[in-house]
C-alpha atoms as a PDB file:
ATOM      1  CA  MET A   1     -20.518-157.056  32.540  1.00  0.00           C
ATOM      2  CA  ASN A   2     -18.651-154.298  30.248  1.00  0.00           C
ATOM      3  CA  ILE A   3     -16.060-152.131  32.001  1.00  0.00           C
ATOM      4  CA  ARG A   4     -16.015-148.791  30.387  1.00  0.00           C
ATOM      5  CA  GLN A   5     -12.993-146.480  30.987  1.00  0.00           C
ATOM      6  CA  ILE A   6     -12.101-142.907  29.512  1.00  0.00           C
ATOM      7  CA  VAL A   7      -8.483-141.983  29.260  1.00  0.00           C
ATOM      8  CA  LEU A   8      -8.680-138.143  29.553  1.00  0.00           C
ATOM      9  CA  ASP A   9      -6.135-135.334  29.141  1.00  0.00           C
ATOM     10  CA  THR A  10      -6.429-131.572  28.738  1.00  0.00           C
ATOM     11  CA  GLU A  11      -4.488-128.596  27.615  1.00  0.00           C
ATOM     12  CA  THR A  12      -4.994-124.984  29.368  1.00  0.00           C
ATOM     13  CA  THR A  13      -4.236-121.388  29.407  1.00  0.00           C
ATOM     14  CA  GLY A  14      -2.079-121.608  32.498  1.00  0.00           C
ATOM     15  CA  LEU A  15      -1.569-123.657  35.650  1.00  0.00           C
ATOM     16  CA  ASP A  16      -4.381-122.630  37.994  1.00  0.00           C
ATOM     17  CA  PRO A  17      -8.113-122.349  37.364  1.00  0.00           C
ATOM     18  CA  ARG A  18      -8.471-120.333  40.505  1.00  0.00           C
ATOM     19  CA  GLN A  19      -6.593-117.531  38.909  1.00  0.00           C
ATOM     20  CA  GLY A  20      -9.172-117.609  35.973  1.00  0.00           C
ATOM     21  CA  HIS A  21      -7.294-119.925  33.636  1.00  0.00           C
ATOM     22  CA  LYS A  22      -9.239-122.086  31.428  1.00  0.00           C
ATOM     23  CA  MET A  23      -9.128-125.355  29.427  1.00  0.00           C
ATOM     24  CA  ILE A  24      -8.379-125.092  25.658  1.00  0.00           C
ATOM     25  CA  GLU A  25      -8.463-128.745  24.483  1.00  0.00           C
ATOM     26  CA  VAL A  26      -9.884-131.963  25.781  1.00  0.00           C
ATOM     27  CA  GLY A  27      -9.054-135.474  24.548  1.00  0.00           C
ATOM     28  CA  CYS A  28     -10.809-138.577  25.528  1.00  0.00           C
ATOM     29  CA  ILE A  29     -10.056-142.082  24.431  1.00  0.00           C
ATOM     30  CA  GLU A  30     -12.749-144.760  25.335  1.00  0.00           C
ATOM     31  CA  LEU A  31     -11.913-148.229  26.514  1.00  0.00           C
ATOM     32  CA  LEU A  32     -14.354-151.086  26.707  1.00  0.00           C
ATOM     33  CA  ASP A  33     -12.895-154.098  28.639  1.00  0.00           C
ATOM     34  CA  ARG A  34      -9.541-152.802  28.387  1.00  0.00           C
ATOM     35  CA  LYS A  35      -9.791-152.758  24.495  1.00  0.00           C
ATOM     36  CA  LEU A  36      -9.929-149.414  22.308  1.00  0.00           C
ATOM     37  CA  THR A  37     -13.425-148.803  20.699  1.00  0.00           C
ATOM     38  CA  GLY A  38     -12.589-145.781  18.557  1.00  0.00           C
ATOM     39  CA  ASN A  39     -15.458-143.902  20.299  1.00  0.00           C
ATOM     40  CA  ASN A  40     -13.389-141.017  21.320  1.00  0.00           C
ATOM     41  CA  LEU A  41     -14.157-137.258  22.003  1.00  0.00           C
ATOM     42  CA  HIS A  42     -11.744-134.556  21.063  1.00  0.00           C
ATOM     43  CA  PHE A  43     -12.479-130.671  20.892  1.00  0.00           C
ATOM     44  CA  TYR A  44     -10.859-127.212  21.228  1.00  0.00           C
ATOM     45  CA  VAL A  45     -12.177-124.517  23.195  1.00  0.00           C
ATOM     46  CA  ASN A  46     -12.154-120.672  22.999  1.00  0.00           C
ATOM     47  CA  PRO A  47     -10.983-119.613  26.453  1.00  0.00           C
ATOM     48  CA  GLU A  48     -12.142-115.886  25.956  1.00  0.00           C
ATOM     49  CA  ARG A  49      -8.775-114.975  27.526  1.00  0.00           C
ATOM     50  CA  GLU A  50      -5.082-114.858  26.848  1.00  0.00           C
ATOM     51  CA  ILE A  51      -2.880-117.878  26.838  1.00  0.00           C
ATOM     52  CA  ASP A  52       0.176-117.858  28.895  1.00  0.00           C
ATOM     53  CA  THR A  53       3.491-117.687  26.899  1.00  0.00           C
ATOM     54  CA  GLY A  54       4.736-120.563  29.051  1.00  0.00           C
ATOM     55  CA  ALA A  55       1.726-122.585  28.164  1.00  0.00           C
ATOM     56  CA  ILE A  56       2.124-122.001  24.496  1.00  0.00           C
ATOM     57  CA  ALA A  57       5.592-123.104  24.655  1.00  0.00           C
ATOM     58  CA  VAL A  58       4.137-126.655  26.126  1.00  0.00           C
ATOM     59  CA  HIS A  59       1.256-127.177  23.768  1.00  0.00           C
ATOM     60  CA  GLY A  60       1.944-124.771  21.023  1.00  0.00           C
ATOM     61  CA  ILE A  61      -1.761-123.829  20.870  1.00  0.00           C
ATOM     62  CA  THR A  62      -2.336-120.038  20.262  1.00  0.00           C
ATOM     63  CA  ASN A  63      -5.472-117.615  20.850  1.00  0.00           C
ATOM     64  CA  GLU A  64      -5.586-116.996  17.105  1.00  0.00           C
ATOM     65  CA  SER A  65      -6.315-120.621  16.433  1.00  0.00           C
ATOM     66  CA  LEU A  66      -9.179-120.796  18.903  1.00  0.00           C
ATOM     67  CA  GLN A  67     -11.139-117.856  17.631  1.00  0.00           C
ATOM     68  CA  ASP A  68     -13.638-119.945  15.675  1.00  0.00           C
ATOM     69  CA  LYS A  69     -13.928-122.727  18.586  1.00  0.00           C
ATOM     70  CA  PRO A  70     -16.788-123.070  20.715  1.00  0.00           C
ATOM     71  CA  ILE A  71     -16.625-121.861  24.321  1.00  0.00           C
ATOM     72  CA  PHE A  72     -16.770-124.360  27.062  1.00  0.00           C
ATOM     73  CA  ALA A  73     -20.458-123.869  27.955  1.00  0.00           C
ATOM     74  CA  ASP A  74     -21.432-124.949  24.480  1.00  0.00           C
ATOM     75  CA  VAL A  75     -19.811-128.458  24.970  1.00  0.00           C
ATOM     76  CA  ALA A  76     -20.109-129.071  28.649  1.00  0.00           C
ATOM     77  CA  LYS A  77     -23.062-131.237  28.670  1.00  0.00           C
ATOM     78  CA  ASP A  78     -21.797-133.493  25.851  1.00  0.00           C
ATOM     79  CA  LEU A  79     -18.437-133.957  27.722  1.00  0.00           C
ATOM     80  CA  LEU A  80     -20.145-134.832  31.054  1.00  0.00           C
ATOM     81  CA  ALA A  81     -22.699-137.167  29.346  1.00  0.00           C
ATOM     82  CA  PHE A  82     -19.519-138.860  27.576  1.00  0.00           C
ATOM     83  CA  LEU A  83     -17.741-139.157  31.112  1.00  0.00           C
ATOM     84  CA  LYS A  84     -20.822-140.175  33.074  1.00  0.00           C
ATOM     85  CA  GLY A  85     -20.850-143.767  34.690  1.00  0.00           C
ATOM     86  CA  SER A  86     -17.299-144.379  33.631  1.00  0.00           C
ATOM     87  CA  GLU A  87     -13.743-144.698  35.227  1.00  0.00           C
ATOM     88  CA  VAL A  88     -11.982-141.614  34.167  1.00  0.00           C
ATOM     89  CA  ILE A  89      -8.014-142.338  33.824  1.00  0.00           C
ATOM     90  CA  ILE A  90      -5.893-139.221  34.087  1.00  0.00           C
ATOM     91  CA  HIS A  91      -1.994-138.665  34.629  1.00  0.00           C
ATOM     92  CA  ASN A  92      -1.887-136.149  37.621  1.00  0.00           C
ATOM     93  CA  ALA A  93      -5.592-136.095  38.186  1.00  0.00           C
ATOM     94  CA  PRO A  94      -5.892-133.055  40.448  1.00  0.00           C
ATOM     95  CA  PHE A  95      -4.602-130.790  37.674  1.00  0.00           C
ATOM     96  CA  ASP A  96      -7.365-131.878  35.183  1.00  0.00           C
ATOM     97  CA  VAL A  97      -9.989-132.388  37.718  1.00  0.00           C
ATOM     98  CA  GLY A  98      -9.370-128.978  39.113  1.00  0.00           C
ATOM     99  CA  PHE A  99     -10.064-127.595  35.954  1.00  0.00           C
ATOM    100  CA  LEU A 100     -13.023-129.817  34.866  1.00  0.00           C
ATOM    101  CA  ASP A 101     -14.752-129.024  38.157  1.00  0.00           C
ATOM    102  CA  ASN A 102     -14.300-125.276  37.842  1.00  0.00           C
ATOM    103  CA  GLU A 103     -15.504-125.061  34.261  1.00  0.00           C
ATOM    104  CA  PHE A 104     -18.489-127.450  34.792  1.00  0.00           C
ATOM    105  CA  ALA A 105     -19.714-125.626  37.944  1.00  0.00           C
ATOM    106  CA  GLU A 106     -19.911-122.460  35.932  1.00  0.00           C
ATOM    107  CA  CYS A 107     -22.136-123.714  33.323  1.00  0.00           C
ATOM    108  CA  ILE A 108     -24.204-126.690  34.691  1.00  0.00           C
ATOM    109  CA  GLU A 109     -26.477-126.022  37.620  1.00  0.00           C
ATOM    110  CA  GLY A 110     -26.290-128.087  40.554  1.00  0.00           C
ATOM    111  CA  TYR A 111     -22.724-129.398  39.568  1.00  0.00           C
ATOM    112  CA  GLU A 112     -20.213-129.710  42.354  1.00  0.00           C
ATOM    113  CA  ASN A 113     -17.697-132.517  41.804  1.00  0.00           C
ATOM    114  CA  LEU A 114     -16.674-134.987  38.829  1.00  0.00           C
ATOM    115  CA  THR A 115     -16.600-137.848  41.212  1.00  0.00           C
ATOM    116  CA  ASP A 116     -20.423-137.434  41.612  1.00  0.00           C
ATOM    117  CA  TYR A 117     -20.671-138.509  38.044  1.00  0.00           C
ATOM    118  CA  CYS A 118     -17.713-140.988  37.761  1.00  0.00           C
ATOM    119  CA  GLU A 119     -14.834-142.349  39.299  1.00  0.00           C
ATOM    120  CA  VAL A 120     -11.404-141.001  38.968  1.00  0.00           C
ATOM    121  CA  PHE A 121      -7.974-143.181  38.610  1.00  0.00           C
ATOM    122  CA  ASP A 122      -4.948-141.288  38.775  1.00  0.00           C
ATOM    123  CA  THR A 123      -1.952-143.185  36.952  1.00  0.00           C
ATOM    124  CA  LEU A 124       0.533-140.802  38.486  1.00  0.00           C
ATOM    125  CA  VAL A 125      -0.249-142.231  41.902  1.00  0.00           C
ATOM    126  CA  GLN A 126      -0.168-145.641  40.279  1.00  0.00           C
ATOM    127  CA  ALA A 127       3.068-144.948  38.916  1.00  0.00           C
ATOM    128  CA  ARG A 128       4.548-143.810  41.892  1.00  0.00           C
ATOM    129  CA  GLN A 129       3.361-146.853  43.852  1.00  0.00           C
ATOM    130  CA  LEU A 130       5.172-149.159  41.298  1.00  0.00           C
ATOM    131  CA  HIS A 131       8.253-147.129  40.649  1.00  0.00           C
ATOM    132  CA  PRO A 132       9.090-145.153  43.934  1.00  0.00           C
ATOM    133  CA  GLY A 133      11.902-142.846  43.811  1.00  0.00           C
ATOM    134  CA  GLN A 134      11.909-142.633  39.868  1.00  0.00           C
ATOM    135  CA  ARG A 135      10.640-140.141  37.349  1.00  0.00           C
ATOM    136  CA  ASN A 136       6.976-141.060  36.515  1.00  0.00           C
ATOM    137  CA  ASP A 137       6.123-138.016  34.262  1.00  0.00           C
ATOM    138  CA  LEU A 138       4.474-139.519  30.822  1.00  0.00           C
ATOM    139  CA  ASP A 139       7.696-139.381  28.871  1.00  0.00           C
ATOM    140  CA  SER A 140       9.294-141.257  31.487  1.00  0.00           C
ATOM    141  CA  LEU A 141       6.630-144.042  31.516  1.00  0.00           C
ATOM    142  CA  CYS A 142       6.801-144.306  27.806  1.00  0.00           C
ATOM    143  CA  LYS A 143      10.411-144.996  27.833  1.00  0.00           C
ATOM    144  CA  ARG A 144      10.087-147.481  30.772  1.00  0.00           C
ATOM    145  CA  TYR A 145       7.200-149.414  29.168  1.00  0.00           C
ATOM    146  CA  GLU A 146       8.286-149.021  25.522  1.00  0.00           C
ATOM    147  CA  VAL A 147       5.517-147.012  24.401  1.00  0.00           C
ATOM    148  CA  ASP A 148       6.213-145.046  21.149  1.00  0.00           C
ATOM    149  CA  ASN A 149       5.990-141.113  21.877  1.00  0.00           C
ATOM    150  CA  SER A 150       8.136-140.041  18.858  1.00  0.00           C
ATOM    151  CA  ASN A 151       5.392-137.689  17.690  1.00  0.00           C
ATOM    152  CA  ARG A 152       5.204-136.112  20.942  1.00  0.00           C
ATOM    153  CA  ASP A 153       7.229-132.820  20.222  1.00  0.00           C
ATOM    154  CA  LEU A 154       4.562-130.775  21.927  1.00  0.00           C
ATOM    155  CA  HIS A 155       1.893-131.827  24.419  1.00  0.00           C
ATOM    156  CA  GLY A 156      -1.659-132.126  23.137  1.00  0.00           C
ATOM    157  CA  GLY A 157      -5.126-133.410  24.807  1.00  0.00           C
ATOM    158  CA  LEU A 158      -5.581-136.070  22.197  1.00  0.00           C
ATOM    159  CA  LEU A 159      -2.262-137.326  21.580  1.00  0.00           C
ATOM    160  CA  ASP A 160      -1.548-137.587  25.332  1.00  0.00           C
ATOM    161  CA  ALA A 161      -4.621-139.275  25.955  1.00  0.00           C
ATOM    162  CA  GLU A 162      -3.790-141.998  23.281  1.00  0.00           C
ATOM    163  CA  ILE A 163      -0.247-142.288  24.793  1.00  0.00           C
ATOM    164  CA  LEU A 164      -1.598-142.515  28.187  1.00  0.00           C
ATOM    165  CA  ALA A 165      -3.988-145.246  27.399  1.00  0.00           C
ATOM    166  CA  ASP A 166      -1.100-147.367  25.994  1.00  0.00           C
ATOM    167  CA  VAL A 167       1.023-146.843  29.166  1.00  0.00           C
ATOM    168  CA  TYR A 168      -2.009-147.316  31.452  1.00  0.00           C
ATOM    169  CA  LEU A 169      -2.661-150.905  29.615  1.00  0.00           C
ATOM    170  CA  ARG A 170       0.865-152.039  30.112  1.00  0.00           C
ATOM    171  CA  MET A 171       1.403-150.613  33.455  1.00  0.00           C
ATOM    172  CA  SER A 172      -1.816-152.221  34.621  1.00  0.00           C
ATOM    173  CA  GLY A 173      -1.081-155.747  33.315  1.00  0.00           C
ATOM    174  CA  GLY A 174      -0.483-155.658  29.621  1.00  0.00           C
ATOM    175  CA  GLN A 175      -3.332-157.997  28.638  1.00  0.00           C
ATOM    176  CA  THR A 176      -6.389-156.775  27.002  1.00  0.00           C
ATOM    177  CA  LEU A 177      -7.529-159.885  25.358  1.00  0.00           C
ATOM    178  CA  LEU A 178      -6.329-163.366  24.720  1.00  0.00           C
ATOM    179  CA  VAL A 179      -6.765-163.939  21.069  1.00  0.00           C
ATOM    180  CA  LEU A 180      -6.413-167.398  19.719  1.00  0.00           C
ATOM    181  CA  GLU A 181      -4.945-168.041  16.630  1.00  0.00           C
ATOM    182  CA  GLU A 182      -6.780-170.854  15.017  1.00  0.00           C
ATOM    183  CA  GLU A 183     -10.478-171.844  15.096  1.00  0.00           C
ATOM    184  CA  LEU A 184     -11.328-175.293  13.752  1.00  0.00           C
ATOM    185  CA  SER A 185     -14.912-174.976  13.291  1.00  0.00           C
ATOM    186  CA  SER A 186     -17.805-172.419  13.073  1.00  0.00           C
ATOM    187  CA  ALA A 187     -20.560-174.621  14.025  1.00  0.00           C
ATOM    188  CA  ASP A 188     -24.124-173.060  13.818  1.00  0.00           C
ATOM    189  CA  SER A 189     -24.864-171.662  17.135  1.00  0.00           C
ATOM    190  CA  GLY A 190     -28.354-172.953  17.002  1.00  0.00           C
ATOM    191  CA  SER A 191     -27.252-176.548  16.391  1.00  0.00           C
ATOM    192  CA  GLY A 192     -26.295-176.882  20.132  1.00  0.00           C
ATOM    193  CA  GLU A 193     -22.763-177.906  19.414  1.00  0.00           C
ATOM    194  CA  PHE A 194     -19.796-176.179  20.675  1.00  0.00           C
ATOM    195  CA  THR A 195     -16.907-174.276  18.692  1.00  0.00           C
ATOM    196  CA  LEU A 196     -13.574-176.150  18.837  1.00  0.00           C
ATOM    197  CA  ILE A 197     -10.501-173.813  19.366  1.00  0.00           C
ATOM    198  CA  THR A 198      -7.075-174.577  19.480  1.00  0.00           C
ATOM    199  CA  ARG A 199      -4.316-173.469  21.844  1.00  0.00           C
ATOM    200  CA  PRO A 200      -2.054-170.910  20.311  1.00  0.00           C
ATOM    201  CA  GLN A 201       1.349-172.289  19.759  1.00  0.00           C
ATOM    202  CA  GLY A 202       4.269-172.064  22.200  1.00  0.00           C
ATOM    203  CA  GLU A 203       4.131-170.997  25.784  1.00  0.00           C
ATOM    204  CA  LEU A 204       1.380-168.613  27.037  1.00  0.00           C
ATOM    205  CA  PRO A 205       2.564-165.502  28.732  1.00  0.00           C
ATOM    206  CA  VAL A 206       2.407-165.447  32.277  1.00  0.00           C
ATOM    207  CA  ILE A 207       1.630-161.822  33.740  1.00  0.00           C
ATOM    208  CA  LYS A 208       2.215-161.382  37.445  1.00  0.00           C
ATOM    209  CA  ALA A 209       0.107-159.463  39.604  1.00  0.00           C
ATOM    210  CA  ASN A 210       1.628-155.788  40.147  1.00  0.00           C
ATOM    211  CA  PHE A 211       2.265-154.059  43.560  1.00  0.00           C
ATOM    212  CA  VAL A 212      -1.090-152.275  43.579  1.00  0.00           C
ATOM    213  CA  GLU A 213      -3.077-155.648  42.747  1.00  0.00           C
ATOM    214  CA  LEU A 214      -1.023-157.472  45.384  1.00  0.00           C
ATOM    215  CA  GLN A 215      -2.086-154.756  47.912  1.00  0.00           C
ATOM    216  CA  ASN A 216      -5.697-154.972  46.895  1.00  0.00           C
ATOM    217  CA  HIS A 217      -5.740-158.825  47.395  1.00  0.00           C
ATOM    218  CA  ILE A 218      -4.025-158.492  50.831  1.00  0.00           C
ATOM    219  CA  GLU A 219      -6.728-156.156  51.850  1.00  0.00           C
ATOM    220  CA  TRP A 220      -9.439-158.310  50.566  1.00  0.00           C
ATOM    221  CA  VAL A 221      -8.255-161.438  52.220  1.00  0.00           C
ATOM    222  CA  ASP A 222      -7.962-159.588  55.517  1.00  0.00           C
ATOM    223  CA  ARG A 223     -11.749-158.396  55.266  1.00  0.00           C
ATOM    224  CA  LEU A 224     -12.538-162.090  54.489  1.00  0.00           C
ATOM    225  CA  GLU A 225     -10.882-163.456  57.535  1.00  0.00           C
ATOM    226  CA  GLN A 226     -12.456-160.857  59.682  1.00  0.00           C
ATOM    227  CA  ALA A 227     -15.731-161.778  58.561  1.00  0.00           C
ATOM    228  CA  THR A 228     -15.304-165.481  58.873  1.00  0.00           C
ATOM    229  CA  GLY A 229     -13.131-165.728  61.886  1.00  0.00           C
ATOM    230  CA  GLU A 230     -11.037-168.247  60.010  1.00  0.00           C
ATOM    231  CA  LYS A 231      -7.619-168.170  58.210  1.00  0.00           C
ATOM    232  CA  SER A 232      -8.180-168.370  54.435  1.00  0.00           C
ATOM    233  CA  VAL A 233      -6.648-170.755  51.924  1.00  0.00           C
ATOM    234  CA  TRP A 234      -4.538-167.848  50.276  1.00  0.00           C
ATOM    235  CA  ARG A 235      -3.069-167.166  53.602  1.00  0.00           C
ATOM    236  CA  LYS A 236      -2.076-170.811  54.096  1.00  0.00           C
ATOM    237  CA  LEU A 237      -0.534-170.904  50.685  1.00  0.00           C
ATOM    238  CA  GLN A 238       1.753-168.106  51.749  1.00  0.00           C
ATOM    239  CA  GLN A 239       3.209-169.918  54.699  1.00  0.00           C
END
């Protein structure tokens, strides 16, 4: 089964949608089985209100540059359809989800919550679990995981989503797909023969489970033992 994930970031006119602030940029990067697909979604939005000076200092987007852009209602259904059924990965998810919920509710009848359409995964929560007591903003994570963010002079929806996708893949294990270097034969699939593949040269990297993965495993073992009434083989190995 293919696992579809969307790494998402937004830029806004200000900090609080309850005060009438709006989204002005949305960037979405698609991952399928932890691989970039190139099937991305990106657009700017005319918020029909002034952008706070402090927000412009962060992202550099001005009202003048958005005059010819669509309003959110014109792109809302396409965005929701793109996100539907996926796991949406966001850094500091409450901020972006708050804006998305507010704007979707204004233009899509019956809309209540983004989580009715997709799952939401917050990489800030993950980073705080992995690195308690440390700075876990996106720039700090880029430095920690050696992700190039040299082009990030200002924030940007698509740029930040691209950077976050790289950070997320490294922070959650780093492996996307084991690519073998040599294929010795390319037998016809209809012949019933197997394609022989050599192992890559050198030692294979060993990626250890991170804190979140270990905790999930422990919880799964607890549920298994409760259901069977017996001690699992994993628990015996830990002794």
